[in-house]
Amino acid sequence: MSSSQSQWVSLTKAAARLNVHPATLRRWADDGQIACMLTPGGHRRFLPEDLDRFEAERRQIRRPAPIATVWAQEALNRTRRDVAKRPDNQQWMTQIDSSLREKHRLLGQQLLGLTLQFVSAEENSANDEALLEQARTLGRAYGEIGQSTDMPLTDALQATLFFRDRLMEVALQLPQTTKVSPEANLKLMRRITTLLNVVQLALAEVYETA
């Protein structure tokens, strides 16, 4: 074996060098993100200098995820997990059939996405009112679902309170799980509260005007 051939690194060793799973490195190589050589047997081999260059490029573009993105992902995971448990004390869950429960799930997804947009935007920006109007629309949709099943207002509000609790719990715990300043976390919670207040008031207005 020549000196140049002896420099090639196996997939497993290259992955360890980059501190990633071999399957991840295999995907990067197959996507053309990092150069490699295929042996006659179909095994991937990497040059150390290519690995070093690739890792340097990754360090340059790697940035901490914005606080809103970290919060949204954890909030989504928490909500999915808690909904799957189907807690008995959530009266609204037991009063609607599977089709309406699916509507609630879709509304929850829309509300999470809207909340992410709102907390990511600058306060008092031009988009604020447009986003808050979308929040009113979602609130009215929650109210219409509740009314269609003759659900009491208190039970209808439970659905949004259930969602609100998960979002706020995650926000409160962020300082324990990620680097976030008290000011940034306070802004996050204030924006969440502002949006969800609009949702809950719109829900209540549907009942009030019925």
N, C-alpha and C. Protein backbone atom coordinates (compact mmCIF):
# COMPACT_ATOMS: atom_id res chain seq x y z
N MET A 1 0.86 -1.19 0.00
CA MET A 1 0.00 0.00 0.00
C MET A 1 0.89 1.23 0.00
N SER A 2 0.57 2.21 -0.87
CA SER A 2 1.39 3.41 -0.96
C SER A 2 1.12 4.32 0.22
N SER A 3 2.00 5.34 0.39
CA SER A 3 1.83 6.25 1.51
C SER A 3 0.54 7.05 1.38
N SER A 4 0.13 7.38 0.12
CA SER A 4 -1.10 8.15 -0.05
C SER A 4 -2.32 7.31 0.30
N GLN A 5 -2.28 6.00 -0.06
CA GLN A 5 -3.40 5.12 0.26
C GLN A 5 -3.53 4.91 1.76
N SER A 6 -2.41 4.93 2.48
CA SER A 6 -2.45 4.66 3.92
C SER A 6 -3.10 5.79 4.70
N GLN A 7 -3.31 6.95 4.05
CA GLN A 7 -3.90 8.08 4.74
C GLN A 7 -5.42 8.00 4.80
N TRP A 8 -6.02 7.20 3.98
CA TRP A 8 -7.48 7.12 3.95
C TRP A 8 -8.01 6.58 5.28
N VAL A 9 -9.13 7.16 5.74
CA VAL A 9 -9.74 6.80 7.02
C VAL A 9 -11.07 6.12 6.76
N SER A 10 -11.37 5.08 7.50
CA SER A 10 -12.63 4.36 7.33
C SER A 10 -13.81 5.23 7.78
N LEU A 11 -15.00 4.83 7.38
CA LEU A 11 -16.21 5.55 7.75
C LEU A 11 -16.37 5.63 9.27
N THR A 12 -16.15 4.53 9.96
CA THR A 12 -16.32 4.50 11.41
C THR A 12 -15.34 5.44 12.10
N LYS A 13 -14.08 5.39 11.69
CA LYS A 13 -13.08 6.26 12.31
C LYS A 13 -13.30 7.73 11.96
N ALA A 14 -13.74 7.98 10.73
CA ALA A 14 -14.01 9.36 10.32
C ALA A 14 -15.19 9.92 11.10
N ALA A 15 -16.22 9.11 11.30
CA ALA A 15 -17.38 9.55 12.07
C ALA A 15 -16.99 9.87 13.51
N ALA A 16 -16.15 9.02 14.09
CA ALA A 16 -15.68 9.26 15.46
C ALA A 16 -14.87 10.55 15.52
N ARG A 17 -14.08 10.80 14.49
CA ARG A 17 -13.27 12.01 14.45
C ARG A 17 -14.15 13.27 14.42
N LEU A 18 -15.30 13.17 13.72
CA LEU A 18 -16.23 14.30 13.64
C LEU A 18 -17.25 14.28 14.76
N ASN A 19 -17.22 13.23 15.57
CA ASN A 19 -18.16 13.09 16.69
C ASN A 19 -19.61 13.03 16.21
N VAL A 20 -19.85 12.24 15.15
CA VAL A 20 -21.21 12.03 14.65
C VAL A 20 -21.41 10.54 14.44
N HIS A 21 -22.66 10.13 14.22
CA HIS A 21 -22.96 8.73 13.95
C HIS A 21 -22.48 8.38 12.54
N PRO A 22 -21.99 7.16 12.32
CA PRO A 22 -21.56 6.77 10.97
C PRO A 22 -22.64 6.96 9.91
N ALA A 23 -23.90 6.73 10.29
CA ALA A 23 -25.00 6.91 9.32
C ALA A 23 -25.11 8.37 8.89
N THR A 24 -24.83 9.28 9.81
CA THR A 24 -24.87 10.70 9.48
C THR A 24 -23.78 11.06 8.49
N LEU A 25 -22.58 10.57 8.75
CA LEU A 25 -21.47 10.85 7.84
C LEU A 25 -21.72 10.20 6.48
N ARG A 26 -22.30 9.00 6.48
CA ARG A 26 -22.61 8.33 5.21
C ARG A 26 -23.58 9.18 4.39
N ARG A 27 -24.59 9.76 5.07
CA ARG A 27 -25.56 10.60 4.36
C ARG A 27 -24.89 11.85 3.81
N TRP A 28 -23.99 12.47 4.61
CA TRP A 28 -23.30 13.66 4.14
C TRP A 28 -22.46 13.35 2.90
N ALA A 29 -21.78 12.20 2.94
CA ALA A 29 -20.95 11.81 1.81
C ALA A 29 -21.80 11.54 0.57
N ASP A 30 -22.93 10.85 0.76
CA ASP A 30 -23.80 10.53 -0.36
C ASP A 30 -24.45 11.78 -0.95
N ASP A 31 -24.62 12.81 -0.09
CA ASP A 31 -25.19 14.07 -0.55
C ASP A 31 -24.15 14.98 -1.19
N GLY A 32 -22.88 14.57 -1.14
CA GLY A 32 -21.82 15.38 -1.72
C GLY A 32 -21.32 16.49 -0.83
N GLN A 33 -21.68 16.45 0.46
CA GLN A 33 -21.25 17.50 1.37
C GLN A 33 -19.78 17.34 1.78
N ILE A 34 -19.27 16.12 1.71
CA ILE A 34 -17.88 15.86 2.05
C ILE A 34 -17.32 14.84 1.08
N ALA A 35 -16.10 15.06 0.64
CA ALA A 35 -15.49 14.17 -0.34
C ALA A 35 -15.15 12.82 0.28
N CYS A 36 -15.29 11.77 -0.52
CA CYS A 36 -14.90 10.44 -0.07
C CYS A 36 -14.52 9.59 -1.28
N MET A 37 -13.90 8.45 -1.00
CA MET A 37 -13.55 7.49 -2.04
C MET A 37 -14.29 6.19 -1.75
N LEU A 38 -14.80 5.57 -2.79
CA LEU A 38 -15.42 4.27 -2.64
C LEU A 38 -14.44 3.18 -3.04
N THR A 39 -14.23 2.21 -2.19
CA THR A 39 -13.34 1.08 -2.48
C THR A 39 -14.07 0.14 -3.43
N PRO A 40 -13.38 -0.78 -4.06
CA PRO A 40 -14.03 -1.77 -4.92
C PRO A 40 -15.13 -2.54 -4.18
N GLY A 41 -14.99 -2.65 -2.88
CA GLY A 41 -16.02 -3.35 -2.11
C GLY A 41 -17.18 -2.47 -1.69
N GLY A 42 -17.15 -1.17 -2.08
CA GLY A 42 -18.25 -0.26 -1.77
C GLY A 42 -18.11 0.45 -0.44
N HIS A 43 -16.94 0.39 0.17
CA HIS A 43 -16.73 1.07 1.46
C HIS A 43 -16.22 2.49 1.23
N ARG A 44 -16.68 3.40 2.06
CA ARG A 44 -16.30 4.79 1.95
C ARG A 44 -15.01 5.05 2.72
N ARG A 45 -14.11 5.83 2.12
CA ARG A 45 -12.86 6.20 2.76
C ARG A 45 -12.69 7.72 2.67
N PHE A 46 -12.11 8.32 3.71
CA PHE A 46 -12.01 9.77 3.81
C PHE A 46 -10.57 10.18 4.08
N LEU A 47 -10.17 11.34 3.54
CA LEU A 47 -8.86 11.90 3.81
C LEU A 47 -8.94 12.77 5.06
N PRO A 48 -7.94 12.69 5.95
CA PRO A 48 -7.95 13.51 7.16
C PRO A 48 -8.09 15.00 6.88
N GLU A 49 -7.43 15.50 5.83
CA GLU A 49 -7.51 16.93 5.54
C GLU A 49 -8.93 17.34 5.12
N ASP A 50 -9.64 16.42 4.43
CA ASP A 50 -11.03 16.71 4.07
C ASP A 50 -11.91 16.75 5.31
N LEU A 51 -11.64 15.85 6.24
CA LEU A 51 -12.41 15.84 7.50
C LEU A 51 -12.16 17.12 8.29
N ASP A 52 -10.88 17.54 8.36
CA ASP A 52 -10.55 18.75 9.11
C ASP A 52 -11.20 19.98 8.49
N ARG A 53 -11.19 20.05 7.15
CA ARG A 53 -11.77 21.19 6.46
C ARG A 53 -13.29 21.21 6.67
N PHE A 54 -13.90 20.05 6.57
CA PHE A 54 -15.35 19.95 6.76
C PHE A 54 -15.74 20.38 8.17
N GLU A 55 -15.00 19.92 9.17
CA GLU A 55 -15.30 20.27 10.56
C GLU A 55 -15.11 21.76 10.80
N ALA A 56 -14.09 22.35 10.17
CA ALA A 56 -13.87 23.79 10.31
C ALA A 56 -15.03 24.58 9.72
N GLU A 57 -15.52 24.12 8.57
CA GLU A 57 -16.66 24.80 7.95
C GLU A 57 -17.91 24.68 8.82
N ARG A 58 -18.10 23.50 9.42
CA ARG A 58 -19.26 23.31 10.30
C ARG A 58 -19.19 24.23 11.52
N ARG A 59 -17.99 24.41 12.07
CA ARG A 59 -17.83 25.30 13.22
C ARG A 59 -18.17 26.74 12.87
N GLN A 60 -17.83 27.14 11.63
CA GLN A 60 -18.08 28.52 11.22
C GLN A 60 -19.57 28.80 11.07
N ILE A 61 -20.32 27.84 10.58
CA ILE A 61 -21.74 28.08 10.32
C ILE A 61 -22.61 27.66 11.49
N ARG A 62 -22.03 26.93 12.45
CA ARG A 62 -22.82 26.46 13.58
C ARG A 62 -23.14 27.64 14.50
N ARG A 63 -24.41 27.81 14.79
CA ARG A 63 -24.83 28.88 15.67
C ARG A 63 -25.84 28.32 16.67
N PRO A 64 -25.89 28.85 17.87
CA PRO A 64 -26.91 28.40 18.81
C PRO A 64 -28.30 28.68 18.25
N ALA A 65 -29.22 27.75 18.46
CA ALA A 65 -30.59 27.96 17.98
C ALA A 65 -31.21 29.13 18.71
N PRO A 66 -31.98 29.97 18.01
CA PRO A 66 -32.66 31.07 18.69
C PRO A 66 -33.54 30.55 19.82
N ILE A 67 -33.68 31.35 20.85
CA ILE A 67 -34.45 30.93 22.02
C ILE A 67 -35.87 30.51 21.63
N ALA A 68 -36.49 31.24 20.68
CA ALA A 68 -37.86 30.92 20.29
C ALA A 68 -37.94 29.53 19.65
N THR A 69 -36.92 29.17 18.86
CA THR A 69 -36.92 27.87 18.21
C THR A 69 -36.75 26.74 19.23
N VAL A 70 -35.83 26.94 20.18
CA VAL A 70 -35.62 25.95 21.24
C VAL A 70 -36.90 25.76 22.03
N TRP A 71 -37.52 26.88 22.38
CA TRP A 71 -38.77 26.83 23.15
C TRP A 71 -39.87 26.11 22.37
N ALA A 72 -40.04 26.43 21.08
CA ALA A 72 -41.12 25.85 20.29
C ALA A 72 -40.98 24.34 20.16
N GLN A 73 -39.76 23.86 19.93
CA GLN A 73 -39.56 22.42 19.78
C GLN A 73 -39.88 21.68 21.07
N GLU A 74 -39.42 22.22 22.18
CA GLU A 74 -39.68 21.58 23.46
C GLU A 74 -41.16 21.67 23.82
N ALA A 75 -41.79 22.81 23.51
CA ALA A 75 -43.22 22.97 23.78
C ALA A 75 -44.04 21.98 22.98
N LEU A 76 -43.67 21.77 21.72
CA LEU A 76 -44.38 20.81 20.88
C LEU A 76 -44.23 19.40 21.44
N ASN A 77 -43.03 19.03 21.83
CA ASN A 77 -42.81 17.70 22.41
C ASN A 77 -43.61 17.52 23.69
N ARG A 78 -43.61 18.54 24.54
CA ARG A 78 -44.33 18.46 25.82
C ARG A 78 -45.84 18.32 25.58
N THR A 79 -46.37 19.10 24.65
CA THR A 79 -47.81 19.06 24.38
C THR A 79 -48.22 17.71 23.81
N ARG A 80 -47.44 17.20 22.85
CA ARG A 80 -47.75 15.89 22.28
C ARG A 80 -47.74 14.80 23.35
N ARG A 81 -46.75 14.86 24.21
CA ARG A 81 -46.63 13.85 25.26
C ARG A 81 -47.80 13.91 26.22
N ASP A 82 -48.19 15.12 26.61
CA ASP A 82 -49.26 15.25 27.59
C ASP A 82 -50.63 14.96 26.99
N VAL A 83 -50.82 15.29 25.71
CA VAL A 83 -52.09 14.95 25.06
C VAL A 83 -52.22 13.45 24.94
N ALA A 84 -51.10 12.77 24.64
CA ALA A 84 -51.15 11.31 24.50
C ALA A 84 -51.55 10.62 25.79
N LYS A 85 -51.26 11.26 26.92
CA LYS A 85 -51.62 10.67 28.22
C LYS A 85 -53.13 10.72 28.47
N ARG A 86 -53.82 11.63 27.74
CA ARG A 86 -55.27 11.79 27.90
C ARG A 86 -55.66 11.92 29.37
N PRO A 87 -55.19 12.92 30.09
CA PRO A 87 -55.48 13.05 31.52
C PRO A 87 -56.98 13.16 31.78
N ASP A 88 -57.45 12.46 32.82
CA ASP A 88 -58.88 12.42 33.13
C ASP A 88 -59.41 13.77 33.56
N ASN A 89 -58.53 14.63 34.11
CA ASN A 89 -59.02 15.91 34.61
C ASN A 89 -59.23 16.93 33.50
N GLN A 90 -58.95 16.57 32.26
CA GLN A 90 -59.19 17.47 31.14
C GLN A 90 -60.58 17.16 30.57
N GLN A 91 -61.60 17.82 31.14
CA GLN A 91 -62.98 17.54 30.80
C GLN A 91 -63.27 17.72 29.31
N TRP A 92 -62.62 18.72 28.70
CA TRP A 92 -62.90 18.99 27.29
C TRP A 92 -62.53 17.82 26.39
N MET A 93 -61.54 17.01 26.80
CA MET A 93 -61.13 15.87 25.98
C MET A 93 -62.22 14.79 25.93
N THR A 94 -62.94 14.66 27.02
CA THR A 94 -63.93 13.59 27.10
C THR A 94 -65.26 13.99 26.48
N GLN A 95 -65.45 15.27 26.18
CA GLN A 95 -66.74 15.73 25.68
C GLN A 95 -66.80 15.86 24.17
N ILE A 96 -65.71 15.64 23.47
CA ILE A 96 -65.73 15.77 22.02
C ILE A 96 -65.33 14.45 21.37
N ASP A 97 -65.92 14.20 20.18
CA ASP A 97 -65.62 12.95 19.49
C ASP A 97 -64.28 13.04 18.79
N SER A 98 -63.90 11.95 18.13
CA SER A 98 -62.56 11.88 17.54
C SER A 98 -62.35 12.91 16.44
N SER A 99 -63.42 13.22 15.67
CA SER A 99 -63.25 14.19 14.58
C SER A 99 -63.00 15.58 15.13
N LEU A 100 -63.73 15.96 16.18
CA LEU A 100 -63.50 17.27 16.79
C LEU A 100 -62.17 17.31 17.53
N ARG A 101 -61.77 16.17 18.09
CA ARG A 101 -60.48 16.12 18.75
C ARG A 101 -59.36 16.35 17.73
N GLU A 102 -59.58 15.84 16.51
CA GLU A 102 -58.60 16.07 15.45
C GLU A 102 -58.54 17.55 15.08
N LYS A 103 -59.71 18.21 15.07
CA LYS A 103 -59.73 19.65 14.81
C LYS A 103 -58.96 20.40 15.89
N HIS A 104 -59.15 19.97 17.14
CA HIS A 104 -58.41 20.58 18.23
C HIS A 104 -56.91 20.40 18.03
N ARG A 105 -56.51 19.22 17.59
CA ARG A 105 -55.09 18.96 17.37
C ARG A 105 -54.53 19.89 16.29
N LEU A 106 -55.29 20.06 15.20
CA LEU A 106 -54.83 20.93 14.12
C LEU A 106 -54.79 22.39 14.57
N LEU A 107 -55.79 22.80 15.37
CA LEU A 107 -55.78 24.16 15.90
C LEU A 107 -54.56 24.37 16.80
N GLY A 108 -54.23 23.35 17.58
CA GLY A 108 -53.06 23.44 18.45
C GLY A 108 -51.78 23.60 17.65
N GLN A 109 -51.67 22.87 16.53
CA GLN A 109 -50.49 23.01 15.68
C GLN A 109 -50.40 24.42 15.10
N GLN A 110 -51.56 24.93 14.63
CA GLN A 110 -51.58 26.29 14.07
C GLN A 110 -51.22 27.32 15.15
N LEU A 111 -51.75 27.11 16.34
CA LEU A 111 -51.49 28.06 17.42
C LEU A 111 -50.02 28.06 17.83
N LEU A 112 -49.40 26.88 17.86
CA LEU A 112 -47.99 26.82 18.19
C LEU A 112 -47.16 27.53 17.14
N GLY A 113 -47.48 27.29 15.86
CA GLY A 113 -46.75 27.96 14.79
C GLY A 113 -46.93 29.47 14.84
N LEU A 114 -48.16 29.91 15.12
CA LEU A 114 -48.43 31.34 15.21
C LEU A 114 -47.70 31.95 16.41
N THR A 115 -47.68 31.23 17.52
CA THR A 115 -46.99 31.74 18.70
C THR A 115 -45.50 31.86 18.43
N LEU A 116 -44.93 30.90 17.71
CA LEU A 116 -43.51 30.96 17.35
C LEU A 116 -43.22 32.20 16.51
N GLN A 117 -44.10 32.49 15.53
CA GLN A 117 -43.92 33.69 14.73
C GLN A 117 -43.97 34.95 15.60
N PHE A 118 -44.92 34.96 16.53
CA PHE A 118 -45.13 36.15 17.35
C PHE A 118 -43.96 36.38 18.31
N VAL A 119 -43.48 35.33 18.95
CA VAL A 119 -42.38 35.52 19.91
C VAL A 119 -41.06 35.80 19.19
N SER A 120 -40.97 35.43 17.91
CA SER A 120 -39.75 35.67 17.15
C SER A 120 -39.69 37.09 16.60
N ALA A 121 -40.86 37.74 16.51
CA ALA A 121 -40.92 39.08 15.93
C ALA A 121 -40.55 40.14 16.97
N GLU A 122 -40.14 41.28 16.48
CA GLU A 122 -39.85 42.40 17.36
C GLU A 122 -41.15 42.94 17.95
N GLU A 123 -41.09 43.36 19.21
CA GLU A 123 -42.28 43.91 19.84
C GLU A 123 -42.73 45.17 19.12
N ASN A 124 -44.07 45.30 19.01
CA ASN A 124 -44.69 46.46 18.38
C ASN A 124 -44.29 46.60 16.91
N SER A 125 -43.97 45.48 16.27
CA SER A 125 -43.62 45.53 14.86
C SER A 125 -44.90 45.64 14.03
N ALA A 126 -44.73 45.91 12.74
CA ALA A 126 -45.90 46.06 11.86
C ALA A 126 -46.70 44.78 11.74
N ASN A 127 -46.05 43.65 11.98
CA ASN A 127 -46.73 42.36 11.85
C ASN A 127 -47.55 41.98 13.07
N ASP A 128 -47.34 42.69 14.18
CA ASP A 128 -48.00 42.29 15.42
C ASP A 128 -49.51 42.20 15.28
N GLU A 129 -50.13 43.23 14.73
CA GLU A 129 -51.59 43.24 14.66
C GLU A 129 -52.11 42.14 13.73
N ALA A 130 -51.39 41.88 12.64
CA ALA A 130 -51.81 40.82 11.73
C ALA A 130 -51.74 39.46 12.42
N LEU A 131 -50.69 39.24 13.20
CA LEU A 131 -50.55 37.97 13.92
C LEU A 131 -51.61 37.86 15.02
N LEU A 132 -51.90 38.96 15.68
CA LEU A 132 -52.91 38.93 16.73
C LEU A 132 -54.30 38.70 16.14
N GLU A 133 -54.53 39.19 14.93
CA GLU A 133 -55.82 38.93 14.28
C GLU A 133 -55.95 37.44 13.94
N GLN A 134 -54.86 36.82 13.54
CA GLN A 134 -54.88 35.38 13.31
C GLN A 134 -55.18 34.64 14.62
N ALA A 135 -54.64 35.17 15.73
CA ALA A 135 -54.90 34.57 17.03
C ALA A 135 -56.39 34.67 17.37
N ARG A 136 -57.02 35.80 17.04
CA ARG A 136 -58.46 35.94 17.28
C ARG A 136 -59.25 34.91 16.47
N THR A 137 -58.80 34.69 15.25
CA THR A 137 -59.48 33.71 14.40
C THR A 137 -59.40 32.31 15.01
N LEU A 138 -58.23 31.96 15.51
CA LEU A 138 -58.07 30.65 16.15
C LEU A 138 -58.92 30.57 17.42
N GLY A 139 -58.96 31.65 18.18
CA GLY A 139 -59.78 31.67 19.39
C GLY A 139 -61.25 31.46 19.07
N ARG A 140 -61.71 32.12 18.01
CA ARG A 140 -63.10 31.93 17.60
C ARG A 140 -63.36 30.50 17.16
N ALA A 141 -62.37 29.90 16.50
CA ALA A 141 -62.53 28.51 16.07
C ALA A 141 -62.66 27.58 17.28
N TYR A 142 -61.85 27.82 18.31
CA TYR A 142 -61.99 27.04 19.55
C TYR A 142 -63.39 27.22 20.14
N GLY A 143 -63.88 28.46 20.14
CA GLY A 143 -65.20 28.73 20.70
C GLY A 143 -66.31 28.04 19.91
N GLU A 144 -66.18 28.03 18.59
CA GLU A 144 -67.20 27.40 17.75
C GLU A 144 -67.24 25.89 17.96
N ILE A 145 -66.08 25.28 18.16
CA ILE A 145 -66.06 23.84 18.45
C ILE A 145 -66.77 23.58 19.78
N GLY A 146 -66.48 24.41 20.77
CA GLY A 146 -67.12 24.23 22.07
C GLY A 146 -68.62 24.38 21.99
N GLN A 147 -69.07 25.39 21.26
CA GLN A 147 -70.50 25.62 21.16
C GLN A 147 -71.20 24.52 20.37
N SER A 148 -70.52 23.96 19.38
CA SER A 148 -71.15 22.91 18.57
C SER A 148 -71.46 21.66 19.37
N THR A 149 -70.79 21.50 20.51
CA THR A 149 -71.03 20.33 21.36
C THR A 149 -71.72 20.72 22.67
N ASP A 150 -72.26 21.96 22.73
CA ASP A 150 -72.92 22.46 23.95
C ASP A 150 -72.00 22.37 25.16
N MET A 151 -70.73 22.58 24.93
CA MET A 151 -69.75 22.54 26.01
C MET A 151 -69.81 23.84 26.80
N PRO A 152 -69.82 23.79 28.11
CA PRO A 152 -69.79 25.03 28.91
C PRO A 152 -68.53 25.82 28.62
N LEU A 153 -68.62 27.12 28.77
CA LEU A 153 -67.47 27.99 28.50
C LEU A 153 -66.26 27.58 29.33
N THR A 154 -66.47 27.22 30.60
CA THR A 154 -65.33 26.85 31.44
C THR A 154 -64.60 25.64 30.89
N ASP A 155 -65.36 24.67 30.35
CA ASP A 155 -64.72 23.49 29.77
C ASP A 155 -64.02 23.83 28.45
N ALA A 156 -64.65 24.72 27.67
CA ALA A 156 -64.03 25.12 26.40
C ALA A 156 -62.70 25.83 26.65
N LEU A 157 -62.68 26.62 27.72
CA LEU A 157 -61.44 27.33 28.05
C LEU A 157 -60.35 26.36 28.50
N GLN A 158 -60.75 25.21 29.01
CA GLN A 158 -59.75 24.23 29.46
C GLN A 158 -58.80 23.84 28.34
N ALA A 159 -59.33 23.76 27.11
CA ALA A 159 -58.48 23.36 25.99
C ALA A 159 -57.34 24.35 25.78
N THR A 160 -57.68 25.66 25.82
CA THR A 160 -56.63 26.66 25.63
C THR A 160 -55.75 26.78 26.87
N LEU A 161 -56.33 26.55 28.06
CA LEU A 161 -55.52 26.60 29.27
C LEU A 161 -54.53 25.44 29.31
N PHE A 162 -54.97 24.27 28.83
CA PHE A 162 -54.10 23.10 28.75
C PHE A 162 -52.89 23.44 27.87
N PHE A 163 -53.17 24.04 26.72
CA PHE A 163 -52.12 24.41 25.78
C PHE A 163 -51.24 25.50 26.38
N ARG A 164 -51.87 26.50 27.00
CA ARG A 164 -51.14 27.61 27.58
C ARG A 164 -50.18 27.13 28.68
N ASP A 165 -50.66 26.22 29.52
CA ASP A 165 -49.83 25.72 30.61
C ASP A 165 -48.56 25.08 30.10
N ARG A 166 -48.68 24.30 29.01
CA ARG A 166 -47.49 23.62 28.48
C ARG A 166 -46.48 24.64 27.93
N LEU A 167 -46.99 25.64 27.22
CA LEU A 167 -46.08 26.64 26.66
C LEU A 167 -45.35 27.41 27.76
N MET A 168 -46.09 27.78 28.81
CA MET A 168 -45.48 28.56 29.88
C MET A 168 -44.53 27.71 30.72
N GLU A 169 -44.86 26.44 30.94
CA GLU A 169 -43.97 25.56 31.70
C GLU A 169 -42.62 25.44 31.01
N VAL A 170 -42.67 25.26 29.69
CA VAL A 170 -41.42 25.12 28.94
C VAL A 170 -40.62 26.42 29.01
N ALA A 171 -41.30 27.56 28.88
CA ALA A 171 -40.61 28.84 28.95
C ALA A 171 -39.96 29.05 30.31
N LEU A 172 -40.67 28.67 31.37
CA LEU A 172 -40.13 28.83 32.71
C LEU A 172 -38.90 27.96 32.95
N GLN A 173 -38.85 26.81 32.28
CA GLN A 173 -37.75 25.86 32.49
C GLN A 173 -36.57 26.11 31.56
N LEU A 174 -36.73 27.00 30.58
CA LEU A 174 -35.65 27.24 29.62
C LEU A 174 -34.32 27.61 30.27
N PRO A 175 -34.32 28.48 31.28
CA PRO A 175 -33.02 28.84 31.88
C PRO A 175 -32.28 27.64 32.46
N GLN A 176 -32.99 26.56 32.77
CA GLN A 176 -32.35 25.37 33.33
C GLN A 176 -31.76 24.48 32.24
N THR A 177 -32.25 24.63 31.01
CA THR A 177 -31.85 23.72 29.94
C THR A 177 -31.02 24.36 28.84
N THR A 178 -31.00 25.68 28.78
CA THR A 178 -30.25 26.35 27.74
C THR A 178 -29.77 27.70 28.24
N LYS A 179 -28.80 28.28 27.54
CA LYS A 179 -28.27 29.58 27.94
C LYS A 179 -29.21 30.67 27.45
N VAL A 180 -29.90 31.29 28.36
CA VAL A 180 -30.82 32.36 28.00
C VAL A 180 -30.81 33.40 29.11
N SER A 181 -30.77 34.65 28.73
CA SER A 181 -30.74 35.71 29.73
C SER A 181 -32.12 35.89 30.34
N PRO A 182 -32.19 36.38 31.59
CA PRO A 182 -33.50 36.63 32.21
C PRO A 182 -34.35 37.59 31.38
N GLU A 183 -33.72 38.58 30.76
CA GLU A 183 -34.47 39.54 29.96
C GLU A 183 -35.10 38.87 28.74
N ALA A 184 -34.32 38.01 28.06
CA ALA A 184 -34.85 37.33 26.88
C ALA A 184 -35.97 36.37 27.26
N ASN A 185 -35.82 35.71 28.39
CA ASN A 185 -36.86 34.78 28.81
C ASN A 185 -38.13 35.52 29.23
N LEU A 186 -37.95 36.67 29.88
CA LEU A 186 -39.10 37.48 30.26
C LEU A 186 -39.86 37.96 29.02
N LYS A 187 -39.11 38.39 28.01
CA LYS A 187 -39.75 38.83 26.76
C LYS A 187 -40.52 37.67 26.13
N LEU A 188 -39.92 36.48 26.12
CA LEU A 188 -40.58 35.30 25.56
C LEU A 188 -41.91 35.05 26.25
N MET A 189 -41.91 35.04 27.59
CA MET A 189 -43.13 34.76 28.33
C MET A 189 -44.17 35.86 28.15
N ARG A 190 -43.71 37.11 28.05
CA ARG A 190 -44.64 38.22 27.86
C ARG A 190 -45.32 38.11 26.50
N ARG A 191 -44.56 37.72 25.47
CA ARG A 191 -45.14 37.59 24.13
C ARG A 191 -46.11 36.41 24.08
N ILE A 192 -45.76 35.31 24.73
CA ILE A 192 -46.67 34.16 24.77
C ILE A 192 -47.98 34.57 25.43
N THR A 193 -47.89 35.26 26.55
CA THR A 193 -49.08 35.68 27.29
C THR A 193 -49.94 36.62 26.46
N THR A 194 -49.32 37.58 25.79
CA THR A 194 -50.06 38.53 24.96
C THR A 194 -50.89 37.82 23.91
N LEU A 195 -50.27 36.87 23.21
CA LEU A 195 -50.98 36.17 22.13
C LEU A 195 -52.09 35.29 22.68
N LEU A 196 -51.81 34.53 23.74
CA LEU A 196 -52.81 33.61 24.25
C LEU A 196 -53.96 34.34 24.94
N ASN A 197 -53.71 35.52 25.48
CA ASN A 197 -54.81 36.32 26.01
C ASN A 197 -55.82 36.64 24.91
N VAL A 198 -55.30 36.97 23.73
CA VAL A 198 -56.17 37.29 22.59
C VAL A 198 -56.99 36.06 22.19
N VAL A 199 -56.35 34.90 22.17
CA VAL A 199 -57.05 33.66 21.82
C VAL A 199 -58.19 33.40 22.79
N GLN A 200 -57.92 33.50 24.08
CA GLN A 200 -58.92 33.16 25.08
C GLN A 200 -60.05 34.19 25.12
N LEU A 201 -59.76 35.45 24.91
CA LEU A 201 -60.81 36.46 24.87
C LEU A 201 -61.71 36.26 23.66
N ALA A 202 -61.12 35.89 22.52
CA ALA A 202 -61.91 35.64 21.31
C ALA A 202 -62.82 34.43 21.52
N LEU A 203 -62.31 33.41 22.19
CA LEU A 203 -63.14 32.24 22.49
C LEU A 203 -64.33 32.64 23.35
N ALA A 204 -64.07 33.44 24.38
CA ALA A 204 -65.13 33.85 25.27
C ALA A 204 -66.16 34.72 24.55
N GLU A 205 -65.71 35.54 23.62
CA GLU A 205 -66.63 36.41 22.88
C GLU A 205 -67.61 35.61 22.03
N VAL A 206 -67.17 34.45 21.51
CA VAL A 206 -68.06 33.60 20.75
C VAL A 206 -69.23 33.16 21.61
N TYR A 207 -68.94 32.77 22.84
CA TYR A 207 -69.99 32.36 23.78
C TYR A 207 -70.87 33.55 24.16
N GLU A 208 -70.25 34.71 24.33
CA GLU A 208 -70.98 35.89 24.78
C GLU A 208 -71.98 36.36 23.74
N THR A 209 -71.62 36.23 22.48
CA THR A 209 -72.48 36.74 21.41
C THR A 209 -73.48 35.69 20.91
N ALA A 210 -73.40 34.48 21.40
CA ALA A 210 -74.30 33.42 20.92
C ALA A 210 -75.72 33.69 21.43
